[in-house]
Amino acid sequence: MEKDQIIEVACAIICMDEKILVTQRSEKMALPLKWEFPGGKLHKNETAENCIEREIKEELNIKIKVVKRIRNSLFNYGGFSINLIPFIAEYVSGDIFLLEHKQFKWLNDNELTTLDWAEADIPVLNDFLNFKHAKRGDLRADYK
């Protein structure tokens, strides 16, 4: 039996004014209409940090600043697995223009848990919320 393919994907938890950016996958994408932290696949010989900055610029037309990497999420979807490499990032500039996703939202912490998330993103969401609450909402305290 052939071993499942593991796809390396970087994602960004993009923060702006106490809100978090989330995107909804389109009907044409795998995992249609699921919500996720935006990102994409790593290219060969590309670092995860370079990947996430590139993907966010390509897919959303915005610039971000990566501030912290948090724990990976490995999830098996049956036939393939995702190694999701998450970063906490700050919005820097640009107007969001969606190339692949159906919609985006800027949400407060308490709104994040109401969405129908892609399964690989759920542990990332939980780690982020736990980390943020441990820091009493001040993510910048851990940036430096």
N, C-alpha and C. Protein backbone atom coordinates (compact mmCIF):
# COMPACT_ATOMS: atom_id res chain seq x y z
N MET A 1 0.84 -1.19 0.00
CA MET A 1 0.00 0.00 0.00
C MET A 1 0.89 1.25 0.00
N GLU A 2 0.53 2.24 -0.79
CA GLU A 2 1.29 3.46 -0.89
C GLU A 2 1.03 4.35 0.33
N LYS A 3 2.11 4.91 0.84
CA LYS A 3 2.00 5.78 2.00
C LYS A 3 1.34 7.10 1.60
N ASP A 4 0.53 7.66 2.51
CA ASP A 4 -0.12 8.95 2.25
C ASP A 4 0.90 10.03 1.95
N GLN A 5 0.55 10.89 1.03
CA GLN A 5 1.37 12.04 0.71
C GLN A 5 1.19 13.08 1.81
N ILE A 6 2.31 13.69 2.27
CA ILE A 6 2.23 14.77 3.24
C ILE A 6 2.52 16.07 2.52
N ILE A 7 1.57 16.99 2.58
CA ILE A 7 1.68 18.28 1.91
C ILE A 7 2.06 19.32 2.96
N GLU A 8 3.17 20.02 2.72
CA GLU A 8 3.64 21.07 3.62
C GLU A 8 2.94 22.37 3.26
N VAL A 9 2.21 22.93 4.22
CA VAL A 9 1.42 24.14 4.00
C VAL A 9 1.68 25.13 5.13
N ALA A 10 1.95 26.37 4.79
CA ALA A 10 2.09 27.43 5.79
C ALA A 10 0.79 28.22 5.84
N CYS A 11 0.42 28.67 7.04
CA CYS A 11 -0.77 29.52 7.17
C CYS A 11 -0.46 30.67 8.11
N ALA A 12 -1.26 31.72 8.01
CA ALA A 12 -1.04 32.91 8.83
C ALA A 12 -2.30 33.27 9.61
N ILE A 13 -2.09 33.50 10.88
CA ILE A 13 -3.12 34.06 11.74
C ILE A 13 -2.83 35.55 11.75
N ILE A 14 -3.53 36.29 10.88
CA ILE A 14 -3.22 37.70 10.64
C ILE A 14 -4.06 38.56 11.57
N CYS A 15 -3.37 39.36 12.37
CA CYS A 15 -4.01 40.20 13.38
C CYS A 15 -3.99 41.67 12.96
N MET A 16 -5.11 42.34 13.23
CA MET A 16 -5.19 43.79 13.02
C MET A 16 -6.24 44.33 13.98
N ASP A 17 -5.83 45.24 14.86
CA ASP A 17 -6.75 45.88 15.79
C ASP A 17 -7.64 44.89 16.53
N GLU A 18 -7.02 43.88 17.14
CA GLU A 18 -7.75 42.86 17.92
C GLU A 18 -8.67 41.98 17.09
N LYS A 19 -8.58 42.04 15.78
CA LYS A 19 -9.37 41.17 14.89
C LYS A 19 -8.42 40.22 14.18
N ILE A 20 -8.98 39.07 13.78
CA ILE A 20 -8.22 38.02 13.11
C ILE A 20 -8.83 37.79 11.73
N LEU A 21 -7.98 37.70 10.70
CA LEU A 21 -8.44 37.45 9.34
C LEU A 21 -8.64 35.95 9.10
N VAL A 22 -9.81 35.60 8.61
CA VAL A 22 -10.12 34.22 8.23
C VAL A 22 -10.68 34.23 6.81
N THR A 23 -10.47 33.11 6.10
CA THR A 23 -10.95 33.01 4.72
C THR A 23 -11.76 31.74 4.55
N GLN A 24 -12.75 31.82 3.66
CA GLN A 24 -13.59 30.66 3.36
C GLN A 24 -13.20 30.11 2.01
N ARG A 25 -12.94 28.81 1.96
CA ARG A 25 -12.57 28.15 0.72
C ARG A 25 -13.75 28.20 -0.26
N SER A 26 -13.46 28.31 -1.54
CA SER A 26 -14.52 28.36 -2.55
C SER A 26 -15.09 26.96 -2.78
N GLU A 27 -16.20 26.93 -3.51
CA GLU A 27 -16.85 25.66 -3.85
C GLU A 27 -15.96 24.78 -4.72
N LYS A 28 -15.03 25.40 -5.46
CA LYS A 28 -14.18 24.67 -6.40
C LYS A 28 -12.92 24.10 -5.75
N MET A 29 -12.61 24.53 -4.55
CA MET A 29 -11.40 24.08 -3.86
C MET A 29 -11.67 22.77 -3.12
N ALA A 30 -10.59 22.04 -2.80
CA ALA A 30 -10.73 20.91 -1.88
C ALA A 30 -11.26 21.45 -0.56
N LEU A 31 -11.99 20.67 0.18
CA LEU A 31 -12.62 21.11 1.43
C LEU A 31 -13.49 22.35 1.19
N PRO A 32 -14.42 22.26 0.26
CA PRO A 32 -15.22 23.43 -0.12
C PRO A 32 -15.99 24.04 1.04
N LEU A 33 -15.97 25.37 1.07
CA LEU A 33 -16.70 26.22 2.00
C LEU A 33 -16.24 26.12 3.46
N LYS A 34 -15.16 25.40 3.70
CA LYS A 34 -14.57 25.37 5.04
C LYS A 34 -13.80 26.67 5.28
N TRP A 35 -13.74 27.08 6.53
CA TRP A 35 -12.98 28.27 6.90
C TRP A 35 -11.57 27.86 7.28
N GLU A 36 -10.64 28.77 7.05
CA GLU A 36 -9.24 28.47 7.34
C GLU A 36 -8.47 29.76 7.58
N PHE A 37 -7.28 29.59 8.14
CA PHE A 37 -6.33 30.68 8.16
C PHE A 37 -5.64 30.65 6.80
N PRO A 38 -5.54 31.77 6.10
CA PRO A 38 -5.02 31.76 4.74
C PRO A 38 -3.56 31.33 4.68
N GLY A 39 -3.20 30.76 3.53
CA GLY A 39 -1.83 30.31 3.32
C GLY A 39 -1.72 29.48 2.07
N GLY A 40 -0.69 28.66 2.01
CA GLY A 40 -0.51 27.82 0.83
C GLY A 40 0.68 26.91 0.95
N LYS A 41 0.89 26.13 -0.12
CA LYS A 41 1.92 25.11 -0.16
C LYS A 41 3.32 25.71 -0.30
N LEU A 42 4.25 25.07 0.40
CA LEU A 42 5.65 25.46 0.27
C LEU A 42 6.19 24.99 -1.07
N HIS A 43 7.00 25.85 -1.70
CA HIS A 43 7.73 25.46 -2.90
C HIS A 43 9.02 24.76 -2.47
N LYS A 44 9.60 24.01 -3.38
CA LYS A 44 10.87 23.33 -3.10
C LYS A 44 11.92 24.36 -2.69
N ASN A 45 12.66 24.05 -1.63
CA ASN A 45 13.74 24.90 -1.10
C ASN A 45 13.25 26.26 -0.59
N GLU A 46 11.97 26.38 -0.25
CA GLU A 46 11.42 27.63 0.28
C GLU A 46 11.20 27.46 1.78
N THR A 47 11.55 28.48 2.56
CA THR A 47 11.26 28.40 3.99
C THR A 47 9.77 28.64 4.22
N ALA A 48 9.28 28.16 5.33
CA ALA A 48 7.87 28.34 5.66
C ALA A 48 7.54 29.83 5.80
N GLU A 49 8.45 30.59 6.38
CA GLU A 49 8.22 32.04 6.54
C GLU A 49 8.16 32.74 5.19
N ASN A 50 9.07 32.43 4.28
CA ASN A 50 9.03 33.03 2.95
C ASN A 50 7.75 32.62 2.22
N CYS A 51 7.36 31.35 2.40
CA CYS A 51 6.15 30.84 1.76
C CYS A 51 4.93 31.64 2.20
N ILE A 52 4.76 31.84 3.49
CA ILE A 52 3.54 32.49 3.95
C ILE A 52 3.47 33.94 3.49
N GLU A 53 4.59 34.63 3.49
CA GLU A 53 4.59 36.02 3.00
C GLU A 53 4.24 36.06 1.51
N ARG A 54 4.80 35.13 0.73
CA ARG A 54 4.51 35.06 -0.70
C ARG A 54 3.05 34.71 -0.95
N GLU A 55 2.56 33.66 -0.29
CA GLU A 55 1.18 33.21 -0.50
C GLU A 55 0.16 34.28 -0.14
N ILE A 56 0.36 34.97 0.95
CA ILE A 56 -0.59 36.01 1.36
C ILE A 56 -0.60 37.15 0.34
N LYS A 57 0.56 37.50 -0.17
CA LYS A 57 0.62 38.55 -1.21
C LYS A 57 -0.08 38.07 -2.49
N GLU A 58 0.18 36.81 -2.90
CA GLU A 58 -0.41 36.28 -4.13
C GLU A 58 -1.92 36.07 -4.02
N GLU A 59 -2.37 35.50 -2.91
CA GLU A 59 -3.78 35.12 -2.79
C GLU A 59 -4.69 36.23 -2.26
N LEU A 60 -4.13 37.13 -1.44
CA LEU A 60 -4.97 38.15 -0.81
C LEU A 60 -4.58 39.59 -1.15
N ASN A 61 -3.42 39.76 -1.77
CA ASN A 61 -2.96 41.08 -2.19
C ASN A 61 -2.60 41.98 -1.00
N ILE A 62 -2.19 41.38 0.12
CA ILE A 62 -1.78 42.20 1.26
C ILE A 62 -0.39 41.81 1.72
N LYS A 63 0.24 42.72 2.44
CA LYS A 63 1.56 42.47 3.01
C LYS A 63 1.39 42.24 4.51
N ILE A 64 2.11 41.23 5.01
CA ILE A 64 2.08 40.92 6.44
C ILE A 64 3.49 40.91 6.99
N LYS A 65 3.56 40.96 8.32
CA LYS A 65 4.84 40.82 9.02
C LYS A 65 4.69 39.62 9.95
N VAL A 66 5.50 38.58 9.72
CA VAL A 66 5.48 37.40 10.56
C VAL A 66 6.13 37.76 11.90
N VAL A 67 5.45 37.38 12.99
CA VAL A 67 5.98 37.71 14.31
C VAL A 67 6.26 36.50 15.18
N LYS A 68 5.60 35.38 14.93
CA LYS A 68 5.83 34.20 15.76
C LYS A 68 5.32 32.95 15.06
N ARG A 69 6.11 31.90 15.14
CA ARG A 69 5.67 30.60 14.65
C ARG A 69 5.09 29.83 15.84
N ILE A 70 3.97 29.15 15.61
CA ILE A 70 3.41 28.31 16.67
C ILE A 70 3.42 26.85 16.20
N ARG A 71 2.93 25.96 17.04
CA ARG A 71 3.03 24.52 16.81
C ARG A 71 2.31 24.06 15.53
N ASN A 72 2.98 23.18 14.79
CA ASN A 72 2.41 22.61 13.57
C ASN A 72 1.18 21.75 13.89
N SER A 73 0.34 21.58 12.88
CA SER A 73 -0.81 20.69 12.97
C SER A 73 -0.70 19.68 11.84
N LEU A 74 -0.61 18.41 12.17
CA LEU A 74 -0.57 17.34 11.17
C LEU A 74 -1.93 16.67 11.16
N PHE A 75 -2.57 16.67 9.99
CA PHE A 75 -3.91 16.09 9.90
C PHE A 75 -4.01 15.21 8.66
N ASN A 76 -4.55 14.00 8.82
CA ASN A 76 -4.74 13.06 7.73
C ASN A 76 -6.17 13.18 7.22
N TYR A 77 -6.30 13.58 5.96
CA TYR A 77 -7.62 13.71 5.33
C TYR A 77 -8.03 12.43 4.60
N GLY A 78 -7.24 11.37 4.70
CA GLY A 78 -7.54 10.13 3.97
C GLY A 78 -7.02 10.27 2.55
N GLY A 79 -5.92 9.65 2.25
CA GLY A 79 -5.31 9.77 0.93
C GLY A 79 -4.21 10.81 0.88
N PHE A 80 -4.28 11.80 1.74
CA PHE A 80 -3.22 12.80 1.87
C PHE A 80 -3.27 13.39 3.27
N SER A 81 -2.12 13.89 3.69
CA SER A 81 -2.03 14.54 4.99
C SER A 81 -1.49 15.95 4.80
N ILE A 82 -1.90 16.84 5.69
CA ILE A 82 -1.43 18.22 5.69
C ILE A 82 -0.56 18.43 6.92
N ASN A 83 0.64 18.93 6.70
CA ASN A 83 1.47 19.43 7.80
C ASN A 83 1.32 20.94 7.77
N LEU A 84 0.45 21.47 8.60
CA LEU A 84 0.12 22.89 8.61
C LEU A 84 1.09 23.62 9.54
N ILE A 85 1.82 24.57 8.98
CA ILE A 85 2.85 25.33 9.70
C ILE A 85 2.30 26.74 9.93
N PRO A 86 1.83 27.03 11.14
CA PRO A 86 1.16 28.30 11.40
C PRO A 86 2.08 29.39 11.93
N PHE A 87 1.78 30.61 11.52
CA PHE A 87 2.48 31.80 12.00
C PHE A 87 1.46 32.81 12.48
N ILE A 88 1.80 33.49 13.55
CA ILE A 88 1.04 34.68 13.94
C ILE A 88 1.70 35.83 13.19
N ALA A 89 0.89 36.67 12.57
CA ALA A 89 1.41 37.76 11.76
C ALA A 89 0.58 39.01 11.98
N GLU A 90 1.16 40.15 11.65
CA GLU A 90 0.46 41.42 11.69
C GLU A 90 0.18 41.89 10.27
N TYR A 91 -1.01 42.43 10.07
CA TYR A 91 -1.33 43.09 8.80
C TYR A 91 -0.45 44.32 8.69
N VAL A 92 0.14 44.54 7.51
CA VAL A 92 0.99 45.70 7.28
C VAL A 92 0.33 46.68 6.32
N SER A 93 -0.08 46.20 5.13
CA SER A 93 -0.65 47.11 4.14
C SER A 93 -1.36 46.34 3.04
N GLY A 94 -2.13 47.11 2.25
CA GLY A 94 -2.81 46.55 1.08
C GLY A 94 -4.30 46.37 1.31
N ASP A 95 -5.03 46.30 0.20
CA ASP A 95 -6.46 46.02 0.23
C ASP A 95 -6.67 44.58 -0.18
N ILE A 96 -7.48 43.86 0.57
CA ILE A 96 -7.69 42.45 0.29
C ILE A 96 -8.45 42.28 -1.02
N PHE A 97 -7.89 41.42 -1.86
CA PHE A 97 -8.51 41.03 -3.13
C PHE A 97 -8.42 39.52 -3.21
N LEU A 98 -9.55 38.84 -3.21
CA LEU A 98 -9.58 37.37 -3.18
C LEU A 98 -9.41 36.79 -4.58
N LEU A 99 -8.42 35.92 -4.76
CA LEU A 99 -8.21 35.24 -6.03
C LEU A 99 -8.78 33.83 -6.02
N GLU A 100 -8.78 33.17 -4.86
CA GLU A 100 -9.22 31.78 -4.79
C GLU A 100 -10.38 31.56 -3.81
N HIS A 101 -10.41 32.32 -2.75
CA HIS A 101 -11.40 32.09 -1.69
C HIS A 101 -12.74 32.73 -2.02
N LYS A 102 -13.78 32.23 -1.35
CA LYS A 102 -15.13 32.75 -1.54
C LYS A 102 -15.33 34.07 -0.81
N GLN A 103 -14.86 34.12 0.45
CA GLN A 103 -15.02 35.35 1.23
C GLN A 103 -13.99 35.39 2.35
N PHE A 104 -13.89 36.55 2.98
CA PHE A 104 -13.02 36.72 4.14
C PHE A 104 -13.79 37.50 5.20
N LYS A 105 -13.31 37.37 6.43
CA LYS A 105 -13.89 38.12 7.55
C LYS A 105 -12.79 38.48 8.52
N TRP A 106 -12.95 39.64 9.16
CA TRP A 106 -12.12 40.01 10.30
C TRP A 106 -12.98 39.76 11.54
N LEU A 107 -12.54 38.86 12.42
CA LEU A 107 -13.36 38.44 13.56
C LEU A 107 -12.64 38.61 14.89
N ASN A 108 -13.45 38.79 15.94
CA ASN A 108 -12.94 38.77 17.30
C ASN A 108 -12.70 37.32 17.71
N ASP A 109 -11.95 37.14 18.78
CA ASP A 109 -11.66 35.79 19.29
C ASP A 109 -12.92 34.94 19.46
N ASN A 110 -13.93 35.51 20.11
CA ASN A 110 -15.12 34.72 20.43
C ASN A 110 -15.93 34.35 19.19
N GLU A 111 -15.74 35.04 18.09
CA GLU A 111 -16.43 34.71 16.85
C GLU A 111 -15.74 33.58 16.08
N LEU A 112 -14.46 33.38 16.32
CA LEU A 112 -13.69 32.39 15.57
C LEU A 112 -14.23 30.98 15.75
N THR A 113 -14.68 30.65 16.93
CA THR A 113 -15.10 29.28 17.21
C THR A 113 -16.48 28.95 16.63
N THR A 114 -17.16 29.93 16.04
CA THR A 114 -18.49 29.69 15.47
C THR A 114 -18.44 29.21 14.03
N LEU A 115 -17.26 29.18 13.41
CA LEU A 115 -17.12 28.84 12.00
C LEU A 115 -16.97 27.34 11.77
N ASP A 116 -17.25 26.90 10.55
CA ASP A 116 -17.04 25.51 10.13
C ASP A 116 -15.63 25.41 9.56
N TRP A 117 -14.67 25.06 10.41
CA TRP A 117 -13.25 25.08 10.08
C TRP A 117 -12.81 23.83 9.32
N ALA A 118 -11.79 24.01 8.46
CA ALA A 118 -11.06 22.87 7.91
C ALA A 118 -10.40 22.17 9.09
N GLU A 119 -10.45 20.84 9.09
CA GLU A 119 -10.02 20.08 10.25
C GLU A 119 -8.58 20.36 10.67
N ALA A 120 -7.66 20.54 9.73
CA ALA A 120 -6.26 20.80 10.08
C ALA A 120 -6.09 22.13 10.80
N ASP A 121 -7.01 23.06 10.59
CA ASP A 121 -6.91 24.38 11.22
C ASP A 121 -7.41 24.40 12.66
N ILE A 122 -8.20 23.42 13.06
CA ILE A 122 -8.80 23.44 14.40
C ILE A 122 -7.74 23.42 15.51
N PRO A 123 -6.74 22.53 15.46
CA PRO A 123 -5.70 22.59 16.50
C PRO A 123 -4.93 23.91 16.49
N VAL A 124 -4.73 24.49 15.32
CA VAL A 124 -4.04 25.78 15.20
C VAL A 124 -4.88 26.86 15.89
N LEU A 125 -6.18 26.86 15.62
CA LEU A 125 -7.08 27.82 16.25
C LEU A 125 -7.02 27.68 17.77
N ASN A 126 -7.12 26.46 18.26
CA ASN A 126 -7.10 26.23 19.71
C ASN A 126 -5.77 26.66 20.33
N ASP A 127 -4.65 26.33 19.68
CA ASP A 127 -3.34 26.75 20.20
C ASP A 127 -3.24 28.27 20.22
N PHE A 128 -3.70 28.92 19.17
CA PHE A 128 -3.65 30.38 19.11
C PHE A 128 -4.48 31.00 20.24
N LEU A 129 -5.70 30.53 20.41
CA LEU A 129 -6.56 31.10 21.46
C LEU A 129 -5.97 30.86 22.84
N ASN A 130 -5.42 29.67 23.08
CA ASN A 130 -4.77 29.39 24.36
C ASN A 130 -3.56 30.28 24.59
N PHE A 131 -2.75 30.45 23.55
CA PHE A 131 -1.56 31.30 23.63
C PHE A 131 -1.97 32.75 23.89
N LYS A 132 -2.96 33.21 23.15
CA LYS A 132 -3.38 34.61 23.29
C LYS A 132 -3.96 34.86 24.68
N HIS A 133 -4.77 33.96 25.17
CA HIS A 133 -5.37 34.16 26.49
C HIS A 133 -4.32 34.06 27.59
N ALA A 134 -3.31 33.21 27.40
CA ALA A 134 -2.23 33.13 28.37
C ALA A 134 -1.44 34.43 28.43
N LYS A 135 -1.39 35.12 27.30
CA LYS A 135 -0.70 36.42 27.23
C LYS A 135 -1.66 37.57 27.55
N ARG A 136 -2.87 37.22 27.98
CA ARG A 136 -3.92 38.20 28.30
C ARG A 136 -4.22 39.11 27.11
N GLY A 137 -4.20 38.52 25.92
CA GLY A 137 -4.57 39.27 24.73
C GLY A 137 -3.46 40.09 24.13
N ASP A 138 -2.31 40.21 24.84
CA ASP A 138 -1.22 41.04 24.33
C ASP A 138 -0.19 40.17 23.64
N LEU A 139 -0.40 39.90 22.36
CA LEU A 139 0.55 39.06 21.61
C LEU A 139 1.89 39.73 21.46
N ARG A 140 1.91 41.05 21.44
CA ARG A 140 3.17 41.77 21.25
C ARG A 140 4.16 41.50 22.39
N ALA A 141 3.67 41.13 23.57
CA ALA A 141 4.54 40.87 24.70
C ALA A 141 5.51 39.73 24.38
N ASP A 142 5.13 38.86 23.48
CA ASP A 142 5.98 37.72 23.14
C ASP A 142 6.71 37.91 21.82
N TYR A 143 6.50 39.02 21.14
CA TYR A 143 7.11 39.24 19.82
C TYR A 143 8.61 39.43 19.91
N LYS A 144 9.07 40.08 20.92
CA LYS A 144 10.46 40.55 20.96
C LYS A 144 11.42 39.49 21.40
